[in-house]
Amino acid sequence: MNQNGYEEVAISAAEALYGYFSWVVIISEAMMLLPLFYWFYLQFTHKTVFPKMMAFTNVLIIYAVMYFIKTLLPDSPFRIGFTNGLMSESMAIWFVTLMIGMKFLV
């Protein structure tokens, strides 16, 4: 719509869509956090095959550490890319940690 001469309509349509569906982002983030908290609980109470200390390799803890590292980086395109991929990078590190834990700790 924006490229075909309907700029004003496109802006109002985008604002209306955002108004109707902005709650979806909050709900999806909450749904994503619940299993991560539960996994931390299971590991911390030693209800998994992993040692209790493996609970501190949780995605959320790795995310918090990487978020702190992000604050130390200067404003640059790398920082923007690093920020955009924080959760994906945290999950990749977590999966590698779990694979190493399965290999050596279990």
PDB file of N, CA and C in Angstrom:
ATOM      1  N   MET A   1       0.826  -1.183   0.000  1.00  0.00           N
ATOM      2  CA  MET A   1       0.000   0.000   0.000  1.00  0.00           C
ATOM      3  C   MET A   1       0.873   1.252   0.000  1.00  0.00           C
ATOM      4  N   ASN A   2       1.973   1.182   0.727  1.00  0.00           N
ATOM      5  CA  ASN A   2       2.841   2.346   0.851  1.00  0.00           C
ATOM      6  C   ASN A   2       3.475   2.707  -0.487  1.00  0.00           C
ATOM      7  N   GLN A   3       3.798   1.723  -1.321  1.00  0.00           N
ATOM      8  CA  GLN A   3       4.459   1.989  -2.591  1.00  0.00           C
ATOM      9  C   GLN A   3       3.487   2.269  -3.731  1.00  0.00           C
ATOM     10  N   ASN A   4       2.198   2.142  -3.472  1.00  0.00           N
ATOM     11  CA  ASN A   4       1.201   2.357  -4.523  1.00  0.00           C
ATOM     12  C   ASN A   4       0.354   3.597  -4.294  1.00  0.00           C
ATOM     13  N   GLY A   5       0.858   4.540  -3.521  1.00  0.00           N
ATOM     14  CA  GLY A   5       0.164   5.807  -3.351  1.00  0.00           C
ATOM     15  C   GLY A   5      -0.797   5.870  -2.183  1.00  0.00           C
ATOM     16  N   TYR A   6      -0.820   4.893  -1.335  1.00  0.00           N
ATOM     17  CA  TYR A   6      -1.734   4.881  -0.189  1.00  0.00           C
ATOM     18  C   TYR A   6      -0.947   4.981   1.127  1.00  0.00           C
ATOM     19  N   GLU A   7      -0.051   5.947   1.207  1.00  0.00           N
ATOM     20  CA  GLU A   7       0.821   6.070   2.375  1.00  0.00           C
ATOM     21  C   GLU A   7       0.033   6.271   3.664  1.00  0.00           C
ATOM     22  N   GLU A   8      -0.925   7.151   3.649  1.00  0.00           N
ATOM     23  CA  GLU A   8      -1.708   7.443   4.860  1.00  0.00           C
ATOM     24  C   GLU A   8      -2.519   6.228   5.308  1.00  0.00           C
ATOM     25  N   VAL A   9      -3.102   5.520   4.355  1.00  0.00           N
ATOM     26  CA  VAL A   9      -3.874   4.331   4.691  1.00  0.00           C
ATOM     27  C   VAL A   9      -2.957   3.243   5.246  1.00  0.00           C
ATOM     28  N   ALA A  10      -1.758   3.120   4.677  1.00  0.00           N
ATOM     29  CA  ALA A  10      -0.809   2.115   5.148  1.00  0.00           C
ATOM     30  C   ALA A  10      -0.385   2.394   6.579  1.00  0.00           C
ATOM     31  N   ILE A  11      -0.157   3.666   6.900  1.00  0.00           N
ATOM     32  CA  ILE A  11       0.244   4.024   8.266  1.00  0.00           C
ATOM     33  C   ILE A  11      -0.871   3.733   9.253  1.00  0.00           C
ATOM     34  N   SER A  12      -2.076   4.128   8.917  1.00  0.00           N
ATOM     35  CA  SER A  12      -3.187   3.878   9.842  1.00  0.00           C
ATOM     36  C   SER A  12      -3.491   2.383   9.960  1.00  0.00           C
ATOM     37  N   ALA A  13      -3.327   1.625   8.876  1.00  0.00           N
ATOM     38  CA  ALA A  13      -3.540   0.173   8.949  1.00  0.00           C
ATOM     39  C   ALA A  13      -2.478  -0.481   9.835  1.00  0.00           C
ATOM     40  N   ALA A  14      -1.228  -0.047   9.709  1.00  0.00           N
ATOM     41  CA  ALA A  14      -0.162  -0.604  10.542  1.00  0.00           C
ATOM     42  C   ALA A  14      -0.393  -0.267  12.013  1.00  0.00           C
ATOM     43  N   GLU A  15      -0.826   0.954  12.295  1.00  0.00           N
ATOM     44  CA  GLU A  15      -1.108   1.334  13.686  1.00  0.00           C
ATOM     45  C   GLU A  15      -2.280   0.529  14.247  1.00  0.00           C
ATOM     46  N   ALA A  16      -3.292   0.288  13.431  1.00  0.00           N
ATOM     47  CA  ALA A  16      -4.439  -0.499  13.894  1.00  0.00           C
ATOM     48  C   ALA A  16      -4.038  -1.947  14.160  1.00  0.00           C
ATOM     49  N   LEU A  17      -3.233  -2.525  13.273  1.00  0.00           N
ATOM     50  CA  LEU A  17      -2.767  -3.894  13.489  1.00  0.00           C
ATOM     51  C   LEU A  17      -1.928  -3.992  14.753  1.00  0.00           C
ATOM     52  N   TYR A  18      -1.073  -3.006  14.967  1.00  0.00           N
ATOM     53  CA  TYR A  18      -0.266  -3.002  16.182  1.00  0.00           C
ATOM     54  C   TYR A  18      -1.161  -2.905  17.420  1.00  0.00           C
ATOM     55  N   GLY A  19      -2.183  -2.059  17.351  1.00  0.00           N
ATOM     56  CA  GLY A  19      -3.104  -1.926  18.474  1.00  0.00           C
ATOM     57  C   GLY A  19      -3.865  -3.198  18.781  1.00  0.00           C
ATOM     58  N   TYR A  20      -4.225  -3.935  17.740  1.00  0.00           N
ATOM     59  CA  TYR A  20      -4.981  -5.177  17.939  1.00  0.00           C
ATOM     60  C   TYR A  20      -4.115  -6.342  18.400  1.00  0.00           C
ATOM     61  N   PHE A  21      -2.883  -6.403  17.923  1.00  0.00           N
ATOM     62  CA  PHE A  21      -2.077  -7.606  18.143  1.00  0.00           C
ATOM     63  C   PHE A  21      -0.823  -7.398  18.979  1.00  0.00           C
ATOM     64  N   SER A  22      -0.651  -6.262  19.630  1.00  0.00           N
ATOM     65  CA  SER A  22       0.560  -6.045  20.428  1.00  0.00           C
ATOM     66  C   SER A  22       0.604  -6.966  21.647  1.00  0.00           C
ATOM     67  N   TRP A  23      -0.529  -7.415  22.109  1.00  0.00           N
ATOM     68  CA  TRP A  23      -0.580  -8.315  23.269  1.00  0.00           C
ATOM     69  C   TRP A  23      -0.006  -9.691  22.947  1.00  0.00           C
ATOM     70  N   VAL A  24       0.025 -10.070  21.662  1.00  0.00           N
ATOM     71  CA  VAL A  24       0.524 -11.382  21.279  1.00  0.00           C
ATOM     72  C   VAL A  24       2.005 -11.527  21.651  1.00  0.00           C
ATOM     73  N   VAL A  25       2.768 -10.457  21.526  1.00  0.00           N
ATOM     74  CA  VAL A  25       4.194 -10.499  21.843  1.00  0.00           C
ATOM     75  C   VAL A  25       4.392 -10.778  23.329  1.00  0.00           C
ATOM     76  N   ILE A  26       3.653 -10.119  24.174  1.00  0.00           N
ATOM     77  CA  ILE A  26       3.785 -10.296  25.623  1.00  0.00           C
ATOM     78  C   ILE A  26       3.381 -11.718  26.028  1.00  0.00           C
ATOM     79  N   ILE A  27       2.291 -12.197  25.480  1.00  0.00           N
ATOM     80  CA  ILE A  27       1.832 -13.554  25.801  1.00  0.00           C
ATOM     81  C   ILE A  27       2.843 -14.598  25.322  1.00  0.00           C
ATOM     82  N   SER A  28       3.384 -14.424  24.127  1.00  0.00           N
ATOM     83  CA  SER A  28       4.343 -15.403  23.611  1.00  0.00           C
ATOM     84  C   SER A  28       5.630 -15.397  24.423  1.00  0.00           C
ATOM     85  N   GLU A  29       6.069 -14.240  24.896  1.00  0.00           N
ATOM     86  CA  GLU A  29       7.255 -14.193  25.753  1.00  0.00           C
ATOM     87  C   GLU A  29       6.993 -14.880  27.087  1.00  0.00           C
ATOM     88  N   ALA A  30       5.819 -14.672  27.643  1.00  0.00           N
ATOM     89  CA  ALA A  30       5.476 -15.342  28.903  1.00  0.00           C
ATOM     90  C   ALA A  30       5.418 -16.855  28.711  1.00  0.00           C
ATOM     91  N   MET A  31       4.866 -17.302  27.596  1.00  0.00           N
ATOM     92  CA  MET A  31       4.790 -18.734  27.327  1.00  0.00           C
ATOM     93  C   MET A  31       6.181 -19.330  27.115  1.00  0.00           C
ATOM     94  N   MET A  32       7.101 -18.536  26.606  1.00  0.00           N
ATOM     95  CA  MET A  32       8.455 -19.022  26.399  1.00  0.00           C
ATOM     96  C   MET A  32       9.216 -19.099  27.729  1.00  0.00           C
ATOM     97  N   LEU A  33       8.937 -18.207  28.653  1.00  0.00           N
ATOM     98  CA  LEU A  33       9.649 -18.188  29.924  1.00  0.00           C
ATOM     99  C   LEU A  33       9.239 -19.327  30.853  1.00  0.00           C
ATOM    100  N   LEU A  34       7.998 -19.728  30.805  1.00  0.00           N
ATOM    101  CA  LEU A  34       7.511 -20.773  31.710  1.00  0.00           C
ATOM    102  C   LEU A  34       8.310 -22.076  31.619  1.00  0.00           C
ATOM    103  N   PRO A  35       8.550 -22.635  30.429  1.00  0.00           N
ATOM    104  CA  PRO A  35       9.342 -23.868  30.389  1.00  0.00           C
ATOM    105  C   PRO A  35      10.780 -23.675  30.861  1.00  0.00           C
ATOM    106  N   LEU A  36      11.343 -22.484  30.633  1.00  0.00           N
ATOM    107  CA  LEU A  36      12.710 -22.238  31.073  1.00  0.00           C
ATOM    108  C   LEU A  36      12.801 -22.182  32.595  1.00  0.00           C
ATOM    109  N   PHE A  37      11.821 -21.550  33.233  1.00  0.00           N
ATOM    110  CA  PHE A  37      11.790 -21.554  34.697  1.00  0.00           C
ATOM    111  C   PHE A  37      11.563 -22.963  35.230  1.00  0.00           C
ATOM    112  N   TYR A  38      10.693 -23.723  34.590  1.00  0.00           N
ATOM    113  CA  TYR A  38      10.417 -25.089  35.031  1.00  0.00           C
ATOM    114  C   TYR A  38      11.658 -25.971  34.876  1.00  0.00           C
ATOM    115  N   TRP A  39      12.384 -25.810  33.767  1.00  0.00           N
ATOM    116  CA  TRP A  39      13.599 -26.585  33.563  1.00  0.00           C
ATOM    117  C   TRP A  39      14.637 -26.240  34.639  1.00  0.00           C
ATOM    118  N   PHE A  40      14.743 -24.955  34.987  1.00  0.00           N
ATOM    119  CA  PHE A  40      15.654 -24.562  36.061  1.00  0.00           C
ATOM    120  C   PHE A  40      15.249 -25.238  37.373  1.00  0.00           C
ATOM    121  N   TYR A  41      13.950 -25.236  37.666  1.00  0.00           N
ATOM    122  CA  TYR A  41      13.448 -25.886  38.881  1.00  0.00           C
ATOM    123  C   TYR A  41      13.783 -27.373  38.887  1.00  0.00           C
ATOM    124  N   LEU A  42      13.547 -28.049  37.773  1.00  0.00           N
ATOM    125  CA  LEU A  42      13.826 -29.488  37.700  1.00  0.00           C
ATOM    126  C   LEU A  42      15.306 -29.779  37.913  1.00  0.00           C
ATOM    127  N   GLN A  43      16.156 -28.971  37.307  1.00  0.00           N
ATOM    128  CA  GLN A  43      17.584 -29.214  37.463  1.00  0.00           C
ATOM    129  C   GLN A  43      18.060 -28.852  38.872  1.00  0.00           C
ATOM    130  N   PHE A  44      17.539 -27.773  39.408  1.00  0.00           N
ATOM    131  CA  PHE A  44      17.992 -27.331  40.732  1.00  0.00           C
ATOM    132  C   PHE A  44      17.554 -28.298  41.827  1.00  0.00           C
ATOM    133  N   THR A  45      16.404 -28.918  41.654  1.00  0.00           N
ATOM    134  CA  THR A  45      15.941 -29.899  42.638  1.00  0.00           C
ATOM    135  C   THR A  45      16.457 -31.303  42.335  1.00  0.00           C
ATOM    136  N   HIS A  46      17.346 -31.397  41.362  1.00  0.00           N
ATOM    137  CA  HIS A  46      18.008 -32.644  40.977  1.00  0.00           C
ATOM    138  C   HIS A  46      16.996 -33.698  40.534  1.00  0.00           C
ATOM    139  N   LYS A  47      16.022 -33.299  39.735  1.00  0.00           N
ATOM    140  CA  LYS A  47      15.035 -34.228  39.186  1.00  0.00           C
ATOM    141  C   LYS A  47      15.345 -34.564  37.734  1.00  0.00           C
ATOM    142  N   THR A  48      16.571 -34.290  37.319  1.00  0.00           N
ATOM    143  CA  THR A  48      17.027 -34.662  35.984  1.00  0.00           C
ATOM    144  C   THR A  48      18.298 -35.492  36.132  1.00  0.00           C
ATOM    145  N   VAL A  49      18.824 -35.953  35.030  1.00  0.00           N
ATOM    146  CA  VAL A  49      20.060 -36.740  35.079  1.00  0.00           C
ATOM    147  C   VAL A  49      21.288 -35.848  35.264  1.00  0.00           C
ATOM    148  N   PHE A  50      21.104 -34.551  35.132  1.00  0.00           N
ATOM    149  CA  PHE A  50      22.227 -33.630  35.247  1.00  0.00           C
ATOM    150  C   PHE A  50      22.517 -33.304  36.710  1.00  0.00           C
ATOM    151  N   PRO A  51      23.761 -32.940  37.012  1.00  0.00           N
ATOM    152  CA  PRO A  51      24.073 -32.488  38.369  1.00  0.00           C
ATOM    153  C   PRO A  51      23.336 -31.190  38.691  1.00  0.00           C
ATOM    154  N   LYS A  52      23.174 -30.921  39.976  1.00  0.00           N
ATOM    155  CA  LYS A  52      22.429 -29.746  40.421  1.00  0.00           C
ATOM    156  C   LYS A  52      23.037 -28.447  39.897  1.00  0.00           C
ATOM    157  N   MET A  53      24.341 -28.391  39.798  1.00  0.00           N
ATOM    158  CA  MET A  53      24.999 -27.164  39.345  1.00  0.00           C
ATOM    159  C   MET A  53      24.727 -26.849  37.875  1.00  0.00           C
ATOM    160  N   MET A  54      24.276 -27.835  37.108  1.00  0.00           N
ATOM    161  CA  MET A  54      23.937 -27.580  35.705  1.00  0.00           C
ATOM    162  C   MET A  54      22.722 -26.660  35.580  1.00  0.00           C
ATOM    163  N   ALA A  55      21.983 -26.475  36.668  1.00  0.00           N
ATOM    164  CA  ALA A  55      20.836 -25.565  36.627  1.00  0.00           C
ATOM    165  C   ALA A  55      21.279 -24.143  36.323  1.00  0.00           C
ATOM    166  N   PHE A  56      22.501 -23.820  36.679  1.00  0.00           N
ATOM    167  CA  PHE A  56      22.993 -22.460  36.459  1.00  0.00           C
ATOM    168  C   PHE A  56      23.511 -22.236  35.046  1.00  0.00           C
ATOM    169  N   THR A  57      23.326 -23.235  34.184  1.00  0.00           N
ATOM    170  CA  THR A  57      23.599 -23.040  32.762  1.00  0.00           C
ATOM    171  C   THR A  57      22.296 -22.781  32.013  1.00  0.00           C
ATOM    172  N   ASN A  58      21.274 -22.366  32.708  1.00  0.00           N
ATOM    173  CA  ASN A  58      19.965 -22.098  32.115  1.00  0.00           C
ATOM    174  C   ASN A  58      20.081 -21.002  31.067  1.00  0.00           C
ATOM    175  N   VAL A  59      19.210 -21.054  30.074  1.00  0.00           N
ATOM    176  CA  VAL A  59      19.199 -20.070  28.995  1.00  0.00           C
ATOM    177  C   VAL A  59      19.055 -18.654  29.544  1.00  0.00           C
ATOM    178  N   LEU A  60      18.220 -18.479  30.546  1.00  0.00           N
ATOM    179  CA  LEU A  60      17.991 -17.136  31.078  1.00  0.00           C
ATOM    180  C   LEU A  60      19.226 -16.579  31.770  1.00  0.00           C
ATOM    181  N   ILE A  61      19.997 -17.425  32.413  1.00  0.00           N
ATOM    182  CA  ILE A  61      21.228 -16.966  33.058  1.00  0.00           C
ATOM    183  C   ILE A  61      22.267 -16.610  31.998  1.00  0.00           C
ATOM    184  N   ILE A  62      22.390 -17.452  30.978  1.00  0.00           N
ATOM    185  CA  ILE A  62      23.307 -17.142  29.875  1.00  0.00           C
ATOM    186  C   ILE A  62      22.877 -15.848  29.188  1.00  0.00           C
ATOM    187  N   TYR A  63      21.572 -15.669  29.005  1.00  0.00           N
ATOM    188  CA  TYR A  63      21.044 -14.443  28.396  1.00  0.00           C
ATOM    189  C   TYR A  63      21.417 -13.222  29.235  1.00  0.00           C
ATOM    190  N   ALA A  64      21.280 -13.329  30.555  1.00  0.00           N
ATOM    191  CA  ALA A  64      21.602 -12.197  31.426  1.00  0.00           C
ATOM    192  C   ALA A  64      23.084 -11.842  31.343  1.00  0.00           C
ATOM    193  N   VAL A  65      23.933 -12.857  31.306  1.00  0.00           N
ATOM    194  CA  VAL A  65      25.378 -12.600  31.184  1.00  0.00           C
ATOM    195  C   VAL A  65      25.690 -11.935  29.848  1.00  0.00           C
ATOM    196  N   MET A  66      25.088 -12.424  28.792  1.00  0.00           N
ATOM    197  CA  MET A  66      25.343 -11.842  27.470  1.00  0.00           C
ATOM    198  C   MET A  66      24.739 -10.446  27.353  1.00  0.00           C
ATOM    199  N   TYR A  67      23.630 -10.197  28.039  1.00  0.00           N
ATOM    200  CA  TYR A  67      23.050  -8.854  28.040  1.00  0.00           C
ATOM    201  C   TYR A  67      23.999  -7.880  28.734  1.00  0.00           C
ATOM    202  N   PHE A  68      24.633  -8.337  29.820  1.00  0.00           N
ATOM    203  CA  PHE A  68      25.626  -7.497  30.491  1.00  0.00           C
ATOM    204  C   PHE A  68      26.809  -7.218  29.568  1.00  0.00           C
ATOM    205  N   ILE A  69      27.250  -8.243  28.832  1.00  0.00           N
ATOM    206  CA  ILE A  69      28.344  -8.050  27.875  1.00  0.00           C
ATOM    207  C   ILE A  69      27.942  -7.044  26.814  1.00  0.00           C
ATOM    208  N   LYS A  70      26.682  -7.087  26.400  1.00  0.00           N
ATOM    209  CA  LYS A  70      26.187  -6.144  25.388  1.00  0.00           C
ATOM    210  C   LYS A  70      26.315  -4.708  25.861  1.00  0.00           C
ATOM    211  N   THR A  71      26.091  -4.484  27.160  1.00  0.00           N
ATOM    212  CA  THR A  71      26.181  -3.112  27.668  1.00  0.00           C
ATOM    213  C   THR A  71      27.614  -2.595  27.651  1.00  0.00           C
ATOM    214  N   LEU A  72      28.587  -3.492  27.599  1.00  0.00           N
ATOM    215  CA  LEU A  72      29.988  -3.081  27.563  1.00  0.00           C
ATOM    216  C   LEU A  72      30.475  -2.772  26.148  1.00  0.00           C
ATOM    217  N   LEU A  73      29.728  -3.216  25.142  1.00  0.00           N
ATOM    218  CA  LEU A  73      30.134  -3.010  23.757  1.00  0.00           C
ATOM    219  C   LEU A  73      29.853  -1.575  23.318  1.00  0.00           C
ATOM    220  N   PRO A  74      30.712  -1.011  22.452  1.00  0.00           N
ATOM    221  CA  PRO A  74      30.439   0.331  21.926  1.00  0.00           C
ATOM    222  C   PRO A  74      29.300   0.284  20.908  1.00  0.00           C
ATOM    223  N   ASP A  75      28.672   1.428  20.682  1.00  0.00           N
ATOM    224  CA  ASP A  75      27.623   1.499  19.664  1.00  0.00           C
ATOM    225  C   ASP A  75      28.239   1.218  18.302  1.00  0.00           C
ATOM    226  N   SER A  76      27.811   0.139  17.685  1.00  0.00           N
ATOM    227  CA  SER A  76      28.324  -0.258  16.377  1.00  0.00           C
ATOM    228  C   SER A  76      27.334  -1.223  15.746  1.00  0.00           C
ATOM    229  N   PRO A  77      27.501  -1.497  14.462  1.00  0.00           N
ATOM    230  CA  PRO A  77      26.626  -2.500  13.835  1.00  0.00           C
ATOM    231  C   PRO A  77      26.748  -3.875  14.489  1.00  0.00           C
ATOM    232  N   PHE A  78      27.936  -4.219  14.990  1.00  0.00           N
ATOM    233  CA  PHE A  78      28.099  -5.503  15.672  1.00  0.00           C
ATOM    234  C   PHE A  78      27.225  -5.579  16.909  1.00  0.00           C
ATOM    235  N   ARG A  79      27.148  -4.482  17.684  1.00  0.00           N
ATOM    236  CA  ARG A  79      26.318  -4.479  18.892  1.00  0.00           C
ATOM    237  C   ARG A  79      24.848  -4.666  18.544  1.00  0.00           C
ATOM    238  N   ILE A  80      24.392  -4.049  17.483  1.00  0.00           N
ATOM    239  CA  ILE A  80      22.993  -4.201  17.065  1.00  0.00           C
ATOM    240  C   ILE A  80      22.717  -5.654  16.681  1.00  0.00           C
ATOM    241  N   GLY A  81      23.620  -6.251  15.908  1.00  0.00           N
ATOM    242  CA  GLY A  81      23.447  -7.653  15.531  1.00  0.00           C
ATOM    243  C   GLY A  81      23.532  -8.576  16.729  1.00  0.00           C
ATOM    244  N   PHE A  82      24.451  -8.288  17.645  1.00  0.00           N
ATOM    245  CA  PHE A  82      24.601  -9.087  18.863  1.00  0.00           C
ATOM    246  C   PHE A  82      23.330  -9.001  19.699  1.00  0.00           C
ATOM    247  N   THR A  83      22.768  -7.807  19.800  1.00  0.00           N
ATOM    248  CA  THR A  83      21.538  -7.606  20.569  1.00  0.00           C
ATOM    249  C   THR A  83      20.366  -8.345  19.935  1.00  0.00           C
ATOM    250  N   ASN A  84      20.252  -8.287  18.621  1.00  0.00           N
ATOM    251  CA  ASN A  84      19.139  -8.951  17.942  1.00  0.00           C
ATOM    252  C   ASN A  84      19.183 -10.459  18.091  1.00  0.00           C
ATOM    253  N   GLY A  85      20.369 -11.028  18.258  1.00  0.00           N
ATOM    254  CA  GLY A  85      20.474 -12.472  18.355  1.00  0.00           C
ATOM    255  C   GLY A  85      20.722 -12.996  19.752  1.00  0.00           C
ATOM    256  N   LEU A  86      20.505 -12.191  20.780  1.00  0.00           N
ATOM    257  CA  LEU A  86      20.845 -12.610  22.137  1.00  0.00           C
ATOM    258  C   LEU A  86      20.174 -13.915  22.554  1.00  0.00           C
ATOM    259  N   MET A  87      18.904 -14.059  22.327  1.00  0.00           N
ATOM    260  CA  MET A  87      18.213 -15.274  22.760  1.00  0.00           C
ATOM    261  C   MET A  87      18.669 -16.473  21.938  1.00  0.00           C
ATOM    262  N   SER A  88      18.847 -16.302  20.644  1.00  0.00           N
ATOM    263  CA  SER A  88      19.317 -17.412  19.809  1.00  0.00           C
ATOM    264  C   SER A  88      20.726 -17.827  20.203  1.00  0.00           C
ATOM    265  N   GLU A  89      21.587 -16.855  20.448  1.00  0.00           N
ATOM    266  CA  GLU A  89      22.952 -17.160  20.864  1.00  0.00           C
ATOM    267  C   GLU A  89      22.961 -17.853  22.225  1.00  0.00           C
ATOM    268  N   SER A  90      22.107 -17.398  23.123  1.00  0.00           N
ATOM    269  CA  SER A  90      22.026 -18.010  24.447  1.00  0.00           C
ATOM    270  C   SER A  90      21.574 -19.463  24.345  1.00  0.00           C
ATOM    271  N   MET A  91      20.586 -19.722  23.498  1.00  0.00           N
ATOM    272  CA  MET A  91      20.110 -21.096  23.330  1.00  0.00           C
ATOM    273  C   MET A  91      21.164 -21.974  22.679  1.00  0.00           C
ATOM    274  N   ALA A  92      21.919 -21.445  21.733  1.00  0.00           N
ATOM    275  CA  ALA A  92      22.972 -22.231  21.102  1.00  0.00           C
ATOM    276  C   ALA A  92      24.038 -22.607  22.130  1.00  0.00           C
ATOM    277  N   ILE A  93      24.442 -21.655  22.954  1.00  0.00           N
ATOM    278  CA  ILE A  93      25.427 -21.944  24.006  1.00  0.00           C
ATOM    279  C   ILE A  93      24.860 -22.958  24.985  1.00  0.00           C
ATOM    280  N   TRP A  94      23.590 -22.825  25.323  1.00  0.00           N
ATOM    281  CA  TRP A  94      22.953 -23.744  26.259  1.00  0.00           C
ATOM    282  C   TRP A  94      22.914 -25.173  25.705  1.00  0.00           C
ATOM    283  N   PHE A  95      22.554 -25.315  24.429  1.00  0.00           N
ATOM    284  CA  PHE A  95      22.512 -26.647  23.830  1.00  0.00           C
ATOM    285  C   PHE A  95      23.893 -27.282  23.790  1.00  0.00           C
ATOM    286  N   VAL A  96      24.916 -26.492  23.468  1.00  0.00           N
ATOM    287  CA  VAL A  96      26.282 -27.023  23.472  1.00  0.00           C
ATOM    288  C   VAL A  96      26.667 -27.455  24.880  1.00  0.00           C
ATOM    289  N   THR A  97      26.296 -26.641  25.877  1.00  0.00           N
ATOM    290  CA  THR A  97      26.587 -26.989  27.269  1.00  0.00           C
ATOM    291  C   THR A  97      25.881 -28.283  27.669  1.00  0.00           C
ATOM    292  N   LEU A  98      24.632 -28.442  27.252  1.00  0.00           N
ATOM    293  CA  LEU A  98      23.908 -29.679  27.552  1.00  0.00           C
ATOM    294  C   LEU A  98      24.534 -30.879  26.864  1.00  0.00           C
ATOM    295  N   MET A  99      24.974 -30.700  25.632  1.00  0.00           N
ATOM    296  CA  MET A  99      25.621 -31.804  24.928  1.00  0.00           C
ATOM    297  C   MET A  99      26.916 -32.204  25.623  1.00  0.00           C
ATOM    298  N   ILE A 100      27.698 -31.222  26.057  1.00  0.00           N
ATOM    299  CA  ILE A 100      28.928 -31.522  26.786  1.00  0.00           C
ATOM    300  C   ILE A 100      28.592 -32.188  28.117  1.00  0.00           C
ATOM    301  N   GLY A 101      27.539 -31.692  28.787  1.00  0.00           N
ATOM    302  CA  GLY A 101      27.105 -32.298  30.040  1.00  0.00           C
ATOM    303  C   GLY A 101      26.662 -33.737  29.856  1.00  0.00           C
ATOM    304  N   MET A 102      25.978 -34.015  28.775  1.00  0.00           N
ATOM    305  CA  MET A 102      25.556 -35.397  28.510  1.00  0.00           C
ATOM    306  C   MET A 102      26.749 -36.296  28.246  1.00  0.00           C
ATOM    307  N   LYS A 103      27.760 -35.740  27.627  1.00  0.00           N
ATOM    308  CA  LYS A 103      28.934 -36.539  27.261  1.00  0.00           C
ATOM    309  C   LYS A 103      29.797 -36.848  28.476  1.00  0.00           C
ATOM    310  N   PHE A 104      30.018 -35.859  29.361  1.00  0.00           N
ATOM    311  CA  PHE A 104      30.995 -36.017  30.421  1.00  0.00           C
ATOM    312  C   PHE A 104      30.422 -36.152  31.822  1.00  0.00           C
ATOM    313  N   LEU A 105      29.238 -35.586  32.056  1.00  0.00           N
ATOM    314  CA  LEU A 105      28.717 -35.545  33.413  1.00  0.00           C
ATOM    315  C   LEU A 105      27.729 -36.659  33.737  1.00  0.00           C
ATOM    316  N   VAL A 106      27.096 -37.198  32.732  1.00  0.00           N
ATOM    317  CA  VAL A 106      26.048 -38.188  32.975  1.00  0.00           C
ATOM    318  C   VAL A 106      26.599 -39.583  32.828  1.00  0.00           C
TER     319      VAL A 106
END
